[in-house]
C-alpha atoms as a PDB file:
ATOM      1  CA  MET A   1       0.000   0.000   0.000  1.00  0.00           C
ATOM      2  CA  ARG A   2       1.273   3.380  -0.912  1.00  0.00           C
ATOM      3  CA  THR A   3       0.394   6.571   0.985  1.00  0.00           C
ATOM      4  CA  ARG A   4       0.584  10.143  -0.197  1.00  0.00           C
ATOM      5  CA  PRO A   5       1.125  13.089   2.066  1.00  0.00           C
ATOM      6  CA  ARG A   6      -1.698  15.606   2.205  1.00  0.00           C
ATOM      7  CA  PRO A   7      -1.246  18.629  -0.004  1.00  0.00           C
ATOM      8  CA  HIS A   8       0.039  21.636   1.998  1.00  0.00           C
ATOM      9  CA  HIS A   9      -3.158  23.616   1.542  1.00  0.00           C
ATOM     10  CA  VAL A  10      -5.199  20.808   3.155  1.00  0.00           C
ATOM     11  CA  SER A  11      -2.813  20.576   6.139  1.00  0.00           C
ATOM     12  CA  ARG A  12      -2.891  24.329   6.650  1.00  0.00           C
ATOM     13  CA  GLY A  13      -6.678  24.341   6.463  1.00  0.00           C
ATOM     14  CA  LEU A  14      -6.967  21.595   9.073  1.00  0.00           C
ATOM     15  CA  ALA A  15      -4.527  23.425  11.374  1.00  0.00           C
ATOM     16  CA  ALA A  16      -6.450  26.676  11.015  1.00  0.00           C
ATOM     17  CA  ALA A  17      -9.776  24.933  11.681  1.00  0.00           C
ATOM     18  CA  GLY A  18      -8.326  23.285  14.799  1.00  0.00           C
ATOM     19  CA  THR A  19      -6.975  26.608  16.063  1.00  0.00           C
ATOM     20  CA  LEU A  20     -10.319  28.349  15.531  1.00  0.00           C
ATOM     21  CA  ALA A  21     -12.163  25.543  17.302  1.00  0.00           C
ATOM     22  CA  PHE A  22      -9.788  25.799  20.287  1.00  0.00           C
ATOM     23  CA  VAL A  23     -10.148  29.601  20.472  1.00  0.00           C
ATOM     24  CA  ALA A  24     -13.948  29.341  20.278  1.00  0.00           C
ATOM     25  CA  TRP A  25     -13.932  26.702  23.041  1.00  0.00           C
ATOM     26  CA  GLY A  26     -11.670  28.878  25.204  1.00  0.00           C
ATOM     27  CA  ALA A  27     -13.956  31.876  24.775  1.00  0.00           C
ATOM     28  CA  THR A  28     -16.957  29.897  26.023  1.00  0.00           C
ATOM     29  CA  VAL A  29     -15.279  27.835  28.763  1.00  0.00           C
ATOM     30  CA  LEU A  30     -12.622  30.149  30.222  1.00  0.00           C
ATOM     31  CA  PRO A  31     -13.884  32.999  32.419  1.00  0.00           C
ATOM     32  CA  ALA A  32     -13.413  36.537  31.149  1.00  0.00           C
ATOM     33  CA  THR A  33     -11.202  38.644  33.338  1.00  0.00           C
ATOM     34  CA  ALA A  34     -11.990  42.242  34.231  1.00  0.00           C
ATOM     35  CA  ASP A  35      -8.480  42.738  35.551  1.00  0.00           C
ATOM     36  CA  PRO A  36      -6.105  41.753  32.744  1.00  0.00           C
ATOM     37  CA  ALA A  37      -2.580  40.694  33.532  1.00  0.00           C
ATOM     38  CA  GLY A  38       0.357  42.612  32.148  1.00  0.00           C
ATOM     39  CA  ASN A  39       1.274  46.258  31.842  1.00  0.00           C
ATOM     40  CA  ASN A  40      -1.980  47.867  32.934  1.00  0.00           C
ATOM     41  CA  GLY A  41      -2.642  51.571  33.005  1.00  0.00           C
ATOM     42  CA  THR A  42      -2.109  54.512  30.719  1.00  0.00           C
ATOM     43  CA  VAL A  43      -2.077  58.276  31.137  1.00  0.00           C
ATOM     44  CA  LYS A  44      -3.467  60.780  28.661  1.00  0.00           C
ATOM     45  CA  ILE A  45      -2.969  64.537  28.274  1.00  0.00           C
ATOM     46  CA  THR A  46      -6.181  66.451  27.498  1.00  0.00           C
ATOM     47  CA  PRO A  47      -7.310  70.082  27.363  1.00  0.00           C
ATOM     48  CA  HIS A  48      -8.678  71.309  30.685  1.00  0.00           C
ATOM     49  CA  ALA A  49     -12.392  70.551  31.234  1.00  0.00           C
ATOM     50  CA  GLU A  50     -12.877  68.798  27.887  1.00  0.00           C
ATOM     51  CA  ASP A  51     -13.922  65.474  29.380  1.00  0.00           C
ATOM     52  CA  ASP A  52     -15.354  63.149  26.768  1.00  0.00           C
ATOM     53  CA  GLY A  53     -14.600  59.794  28.442  1.00  0.00           C
ATOM     54  CA  VAL A  54     -12.454  58.654  25.516  1.00  0.00           C
ATOM     55  CA  PRO A  55      -8.791  57.874  26.251  1.00  0.00           C
ATOM     56  CA  GLN A  56      -6.913  60.096  23.810  1.00  0.00           C
ATOM     57  CA  ASN A  57      -3.876  62.373  23.853  1.00  0.00           C
ATOM     58  CA  THR A  58      -3.796  66.003  22.828  1.00  0.00           C
ATOM     59  CA  PRO A  59      -0.218  66.917  21.870  1.00  0.00           C
ATOM     60  CA  HIS A  60      -0.767  70.718  22.228  1.00  0.00           C
ATOM     61  CA  VAL A  61      -2.505  72.084  25.339  1.00  0.00           C
ATOM     62  CA  SER A  62      -2.726  75.408  27.159  1.00  0.00           C
ATOM     63  CA  CYS A  63      -0.889  76.106  30.421  1.00  0.00           C
ATOM     64  CA  ALA A  64      -3.881  74.593  32.280  1.00  0.00           C
ATOM     65  CA  PHE A  65      -4.571  70.998  31.194  1.00  0.00           C
ATOM     66  CA  ASP A  66      -5.744  67.660  32.574  1.00  0.00           C
ATOM     67  CA  ILE A  67      -4.037  64.322  32.990  1.00  0.00           C
ATOM     68  CA  GLU A  68      -6.386  61.330  32.878  1.00  0.00           C
ATOM     69  CA  TRP A  69      -5.548  57.839  34.214  1.00  0.00           C
ATOM     70  CA  TYR A  70      -7.122  54.786  32.532  1.00  0.00           C
ATOM     71  CA  GLY A  71      -6.982  51.038  33.205  1.00  0.00           C
ATOM     72  CA  PHE A  72      -4.905  50.930  36.396  1.00  0.00           C
ATOM     73  CA  ASP A  73      -5.173  48.024  38.803  1.00  0.00           C
ATOM     74  CA  GLN A  74      -7.243  48.024  41.975  1.00  0.00           C
ATOM     75  CA  GLY A  75      -5.666  48.590  45.364  1.00  0.00           C
ATOM     76  CA  ALA A  76      -5.580  51.009  48.265  1.00  0.00           C
ATOM     77  CA  ASP A  77      -1.914  51.760  47.529  1.00  0.00           C
ATOM     78  CA  ILE A  78      -2.262  52.497  43.797  1.00  0.00           C
ATOM     79  CA  VAL A  79      -1.348  56.193  43.971  1.00  0.00           C
ATOM     80  CA  SER A  80       0.411  58.200  41.255  1.00  0.00           C
ATOM     81  CA  THR A  81       2.911  61.004  41.566  1.00  0.00           C
ATOM     82  CA  VAL A  82       3.552  63.412  38.701  1.00  0.00           C
ATOM     83  CA  GLU A  83       6.744  65.213  37.688  1.00  0.00           C
ATOM     84  CA  PHE A  84       7.260  67.723  34.846  1.00  0.00           C
ATOM     85  CA  ASN A  85      10.544  68.400  33.040  1.00  0.00           C
ATOM     86  CA  ALA A  86      11.465  70.691  30.166  1.00  0.00           C
ATOM     87  CA  GLN A  87      12.517  69.075  26.875  1.00  0.00           C
ATOM     88  CA  ALA A  88      14.529  70.378  23.927  1.00  0.00           C
ATOM     89  CA  PRO A  89      14.202  72.850  22.293  1.00  0.00           C
ATOM     90  CA  THR A  90      13.044  74.531  25.524  1.00  0.00           C
ATOM     91  CA  SER A  91      15.123  72.399  27.900  1.00  0.00           C
ATOM     92  CA  ASP A  92      16.650  75.463  29.609  1.00  0.00           C
ATOM     93  CA  VAL A  93      13.228  76.568  30.918  1.00  0.00           C
ATOM     94  CA  VAL A  94      12.306  76.109  34.588  1.00  0.00           C
ATOM     95  CA  ILE A  95       8.851  74.606  35.147  1.00  0.00           C
ATOM     96  CA  SER A  96       6.804  74.982  38.307  1.00  0.00           C
ATOM     97  CA  THR A  97       3.275  73.997  39.289  1.00  0.00           C
ATOM     98  CA  THR A  98       1.254  74.972  42.329  1.00  0.00           C
ATOM     99  CA  ASP A  99      -0.673  71.722  42.757  1.00  0.00           C
ATOM    100  CA  ASN A 100       1.234  68.484  42.498  1.00  0.00           C
ATOM    101  CA  ALA A 101      -0.645  66.289  44.984  1.00  0.00           C
ATOM    102  CA  PRO A 102      -0.601  62.483  44.582  1.00  0.00           C
ATOM    103  CA  VAL A 103      -3.555  61.037  42.647  1.00  0.00           C
ATOM    104  CA  PHE A 104      -5.349  57.871  43.840  1.00  0.00           C
ATOM    105  CA  VAL A 105      -6.146  55.627  40.836  1.00  0.00           C
ATOM    106  CA  GLY A 106      -6.808  52.197  42.405  1.00  0.00           C
ATOM    107  CA  ASP A 107     -10.544  52.340  43.026  1.00  0.00           C
ATOM    108  CA  ASP A 108     -11.566  49.532  40.621  1.00  0.00           C
ATOM    109  CA  PRO A 109     -10.076  46.616  38.618  1.00  0.00           C
ATOM    110  CA  ALA A 110      -8.043  47.443  35.518  1.00  0.00           C
ATOM    111  CA  GLY A 111     -10.919  46.879  33.077  1.00  0.00           C
ATOM    112  CA  GLY A 112      -8.854  46.692  29.897  1.00  0.00           C
ATOM    113  CA  GLY A 113      -7.538  50.236  29.653  1.00  0.00           C
ATOM    114  CA  THR A 114     -10.672  52.240  28.907  1.00  0.00           C
ATOM    115  CA  ASP A 115     -12.026  52.816  32.410  1.00  0.00           C
ATOM    116  CA  LEU A 116     -11.301  56.263  33.849  1.00  0.00           C
ATOM    117  CA  ASP A 117      -9.484  55.863  37.169  1.00  0.00           C
ATOM    118  CA  GLY A 118      -8.490  59.425  37.947  1.00  0.00           C
ATOM    119  CA  GLU A 119      -8.108  62.937  36.631  1.00  0.00           C
ATOM    120  CA  ALA A 120      -6.160  65.959  37.803  1.00  0.00           C
ATOM    121  CA  THR A 121      -5.745  69.498  36.489  1.00  0.00           C
ATOM    122  CA  TYR A 122      -2.301  71.071  36.288  1.00  0.00           C
ATOM    123  CA  THR A 123      -1.305  74.664  35.577  1.00  0.00           C
ATOM    124  CA  LEU A 124       2.332  75.095  34.677  1.00  0.00           C
ATOM    125  CA  ASP A 125       4.375  78.238  35.097  1.00  0.00           C
ATOM    126  CA  PHE A 126       7.506  78.727  33.022  1.00  0.00           C
ATOM    127  CA  ALA A 127      10.635  80.800  33.615  1.00  0.00           C
ATOM    128  CA  GLY A 128      12.273  81.179  30.228  1.00  0.00           C
ATOM    129  CA  ALA A 129      11.385  81.813  26.630  1.00  0.00           C
ATOM    130  CA  PRO A 130       9.034  79.496  24.718  1.00  0.00           C
ATOM    131  CA  ASP A 131       9.683  78.119  21.261  1.00  0.00           C
ATOM    132  CA  PRO A 132       8.227  80.851  19.000  1.00  0.00           C
ATOM    133  CA  GLN A 133       5.929  78.459  17.119  1.00  0.00           C
ATOM    134  CA  GLN A 134       5.172  75.593  19.520  1.00  0.00           C
ATOM    135  CA  GLY A 135       5.377  76.956  23.066  1.00  0.00           C
ATOM    136  CA  TYR A 136       7.073  74.865  25.763  1.00  0.00           C
ATOM    137  CA  HIS A 137       8.122  71.244  25.197  1.00  0.00           C
ATOM    138  CA  VAL A 138       7.302  69.297  28.364  1.00  0.00           C
ATOM    139  CA  ALA A 139       7.775  65.715  29.518  1.00  0.00           C
ATOM    140  CA  VAL A 140       5.553  64.317  32.246  1.00  0.00           C
ATOM    141  CA  THR A 141       6.622  61.291  34.273  1.00  0.00           C
ATOM    142  CA  VAL A 142       3.872  59.509  36.192  1.00  0.00           C
ATOM    143  CA  ARG A 143       4.956  56.952  38.780  1.00  0.00           C
ATOM    144  CA  THR A 144       2.373  54.521  40.132  1.00  0.00           C
ATOM    145  CA  PRO A 145       4.033  51.982  42.456  1.00  0.00           C
ATOM    146  CA  GLY A 146       2.055  48.771  42.849  1.00  0.00           C
ATOM    147  CA  SER A 147       0.533  48.734  39.367  1.00  0.00           C
ATOM    148  CA  HIS A 148       1.195  45.629  37.245  1.00  0.00           C
ATOM    149  CA  GLY A 149       3.853  46.025  34.600  1.00  0.00           C
ATOM    150  CA  ALA A 150       5.731  49.279  34.213  1.00  0.00           C
ATOM    151  CA  ASP A 151       5.217  51.529  37.240  1.00  0.00           C
ATOM    152  CA  THR A 152       6.432  54.555  35.267  1.00  0.00           C
ATOM    153  CA  LYS A 153       4.589  56.168  32.334  1.00  0.00           C
ATOM    154  CA  ARG A 154       5.917  59.082  30.260  1.00  0.00           C
ATOM    155  CA  LYS A 155       4.421  61.514  27.774  1.00  0.00           C
ATOM    156  CA  VAL A 156       5.992  64.417  25.898  1.00  0.00           C
ATOM    157  CA  PHE A 157       3.772  67.263  24.694  1.00  0.00           C
ATOM    158  CA  TRP A 158       3.667  71.010  23.974  1.00  0.00           C
ATOM    159  CA  VAL A 159       2.201  73.619  26.327  1.00  0.00           C
ATOM    160  CA  SER A 160       1.185  77.082  25.132  1.00  0.00           C
ATOM    161  CA  PRO A 161       2.349  80.038  27.195  1.00  0.00           C
ATOM    162  CA  CYS A 162      -0.268  81.436  29.559  1.00  0.00           C
ATOM    163  CA  ASP A 163      -1.839  84.678  28.459  1.00  0.00           C
ATOM    164  CA  GLU A 164      -0.792  87.009  31.243  1.00  0.00           C
ATOM    165  CA  GLY A 165      -3.138  89.867  30.440  1.00  0.00           C
ATOM    166  CA  PRO A 166      -4.024  92.463  33.095  1.00  0.00           C
ATOM    167  CA  GLU A 167      -5.366  89.765  35.430  1.00  0.00           C
ATOM    168  CA  GLY A 168      -2.443  87.308  35.144  1.00  0.00           C
ATOM    169  CA  PRO A 169      -2.538  83.706  33.972  1.00  0.00           C
ATOM    170  CA  PRO A 170      -5.854  81.830  33.878  1.00  0.00           C
ATOM    171  CA  THR A 171      -6.863  79.760  36.890  1.00  0.00           C
ATOM    172  CA  SER A 172      -8.580  76.413  36.864  1.00  0.00           C
END
């Protein structure tokens, strides 16, 4: 008796069908997790008071802006600290902020990255000249000890100078 190997396209089809059957079985038998493993949590920079519930970054904001935390793990000790640093081409500028309190973000399970865990408004003051077209180039470092994965998140964005008309810079 002589046997012939299956053509490659038949073998690939059977392998694909088996994989799909296993994935479908896993989706119905394995419990869904609301707190995914891995590097949970992200931070987003948004214009002040423009809350739309959608995790998205705005690369150019005014001197008053919001940071939003999404998808962090649950826990009483899941608290973020925030630090701002100047970046080139405005790296010689000194940045200060009046409110830099820690932000609690561990109220609920991670939820896959789209659940809002916290929000804080920051107003930055700058000592030094802005870039004439972009404003100030700023890096934010958010540290959240106790979160799964990377405890440190970073974003780089541009901040417009505050309009210091007769009443000074805007307040939040």
